[in-house]
Amino acid sequence: MSISVRKERRGNGKEYYKLYEVKRVNGKVRTKYVGYLGKNPNSKKEITGMEILPYVERLLDIEISDSEIRDILKKIGIDCDISPITKIVLENDRNLRKTFLRLK
């Protein structure tokens, strides 16, 4: 099983990204839609282990600046180029058995 990002173009010419799970079942490739990434393919990253837990409280602080958020994300290995950051979402996908950090 693997996770892939696909770029799709709408009728208005704008590009959008979606996250898919790809796996082989009975010798055939099966693709399952996982989530919408928006205009930036780097807005959703898988988190492995517990490396983010010490930083969660700081990330959820309302007074934190975008540059401070980027510094914290770099410490846990996530490179972010979204500006401004308006939402931080920790998502536990029970079907995929994975945890994601999504930025908007």
Protein backbone atom coordinates (compact mmCIF):
# COMPACT_ATOMS: atom_id res chain seq x y z
CA MET A 1 0.00 0.00 0.00
CA SER A 2 1.23 3.47 -0.81
CA ILE A 3 -0.07 7.01 -0.72
CA SER A 4 0.05 9.13 -3.87
CA VAL A 5 -0.81 12.72 -4.75
CA ARG A 6 -2.60 13.47 -8.01
CA LYS A 7 -2.92 16.78 -9.75
CA GLU A 8 -6.26 17.48 -11.41
CA ARG A 9 -7.25 20.37 -13.59
CA ARG A 10 -10.69 21.90 -13.43
CA GLY A 11 -12.57 23.56 -16.26
CA ASN A 12 -11.39 26.96 -15.08
CA GLY A 13 -7.75 25.91 -15.69
CA LYS A 14 -6.80 25.87 -12.01
CA GLU A 15 -4.91 22.93 -10.54
CA TYR A 16 -6.02 21.05 -7.43
CA TYR A 17 -4.47 18.11 -5.62
CA LYS A 18 -6.01 14.99 -4.11
CA LEU A 19 -4.53 12.26 -1.94
CA TYR A 20 -5.08 8.61 -2.92
CA GLU A 21 -4.26 5.24 -1.37
CA VAL A 22 -2.96 2.75 -3.94
CA LYS A 23 -2.74 -0.97 -3.20
CA ARG A 24 -2.84 -4.31 -4.99
CA VAL A 25 -5.85 -6.57 -4.31
CA ASN A 26 -6.06 -9.99 -5.97
CA GLY A 27 -3.40 -8.93 -8.49
CA LYS A 28 -5.21 -5.73 -9.51
CA VAL A 29 -4.34 -2.17 -8.59
CA ARG A 30 -7.04 -0.48 -6.49
CA THR A 31 -7.12 3.25 -5.92
CA LYS A 32 -9.07 4.81 -3.07
CA TYR A 33 -9.68 8.52 -2.57
CA VAL A 34 -8.31 9.63 0.82
CA GLY A 35 -8.58 13.40 0.95
CA TYR A 36 -8.54 16.77 -0.74
CA LEU A 37 -5.29 18.74 -0.52
CA GLY A 38 -6.44 21.95 -2.20
CA LYS A 39 -4.11 24.02 -4.34
CA ASN A 40 -0.94 22.92 -2.53
CA PRO A 41 0.20 19.27 -2.63
CA ASN A 42 2.32 19.79 0.49
CA SER A 43 -0.62 20.74 2.71
CA LYS A 44 -1.05 17.22 4.16
CA LYS A 45 1.87 15.17 5.52
CA GLU A 46 1.91 11.79 7.19
CA ILE A 47 3.26 11.80 10.74
CA THR A 48 5.01 8.68 11.99
CA GLY A 49 5.83 7.93 15.60
CA MET A 50 5.30 10.45 18.33
CA GLU A 51 7.72 13.14 17.15
CA ILE A 52 5.01 15.79 17.06
CA LEU A 53 3.58 15.34 20.56
CA PRO A 54 6.01 17.70 22.33
CA TYR A 55 5.10 20.42 19.82
CA VAL A 56 1.30 20.04 19.71
CA GLU A 57 0.60 22.45 22.58
CA ARG A 58 2.76 25.14 20.97
CA LEU A 59 1.19 24.60 17.52
CA LEU A 60 -2.29 25.06 18.99
CA ASP A 61 -1.42 28.39 20.63
CA ILE A 62 -3.56 31.13 19.04
CA GLU A 63 -0.81 33.73 19.41
CA ILE A 64 1.80 31.75 17.45
CA SER A 65 3.10 33.37 14.26
CA ASP A 66 3.47 31.71 10.84
CA SER A 67 7.27 31.82 11.13
CA GLU A 68 7.14 30.07 14.53
CA ILE A 69 4.85 27.40 13.04
CA ARG A 70 7.31 26.86 10.17
CA ASP A 71 10.21 26.54 12.66
CA ILE A 72 8.34 23.88 14.66
CA LEU A 73 7.40 21.99 11.49
CA LYS A 74 11.03 22.03 10.30
CA LYS A 75 12.08 20.49 13.63
CA ILE A 76 9.77 17.54 12.99
CA GLY A 77 10.79 17.20 9.34
CA ILE A 78 7.94 18.95 7.52
CA ASP A 79 8.79 21.68 5.01
CA CYS A 80 5.93 24.16 4.64
CA ASP A 81 5.52 26.89 2.02
CA ILE A 82 1.89 27.82 2.73
CA SER A 83 1.27 31.44 3.62
CA PRO A 84 -0.70 32.53 5.56
CA ILE A 85 -1.38 29.44 7.66
CA THR A 86 -5.02 29.66 8.77
CA LYS A 87 -5.67 26.10 9.96
CA ILE A 88 -3.64 23.31 11.55
CA VAL A 89 -5.42 19.95 11.56
CA LEU A 90 -4.20 16.71 13.16
CA GLU A 91 -6.08 13.92 11.43
CA ASN A 92 -6.12 10.28 12.53
CA ASP A 93 -7.34 8.22 9.57
CA ARG A 94 -8.56 5.00 11.15
CA ASN A 95 -9.11 3.29 7.79
CA LEU A 96 -5.52 3.89 6.66
CA ARG A 97 -4.18 3.56 10.22
CA LYS A 98 -2.10 6.68 9.71
CA THR A 99 -1.93 10.12 11.25
CA PHE A 100 -1.66 13.25 9.10
CA LEU A 101 -0.88 16.89 9.77
CA ARG A 102 -2.78 19.18 7.40
CA LEU A 103 -2.16 22.89 6.94
CA LYS A 104 -4.40 25.44 5.25
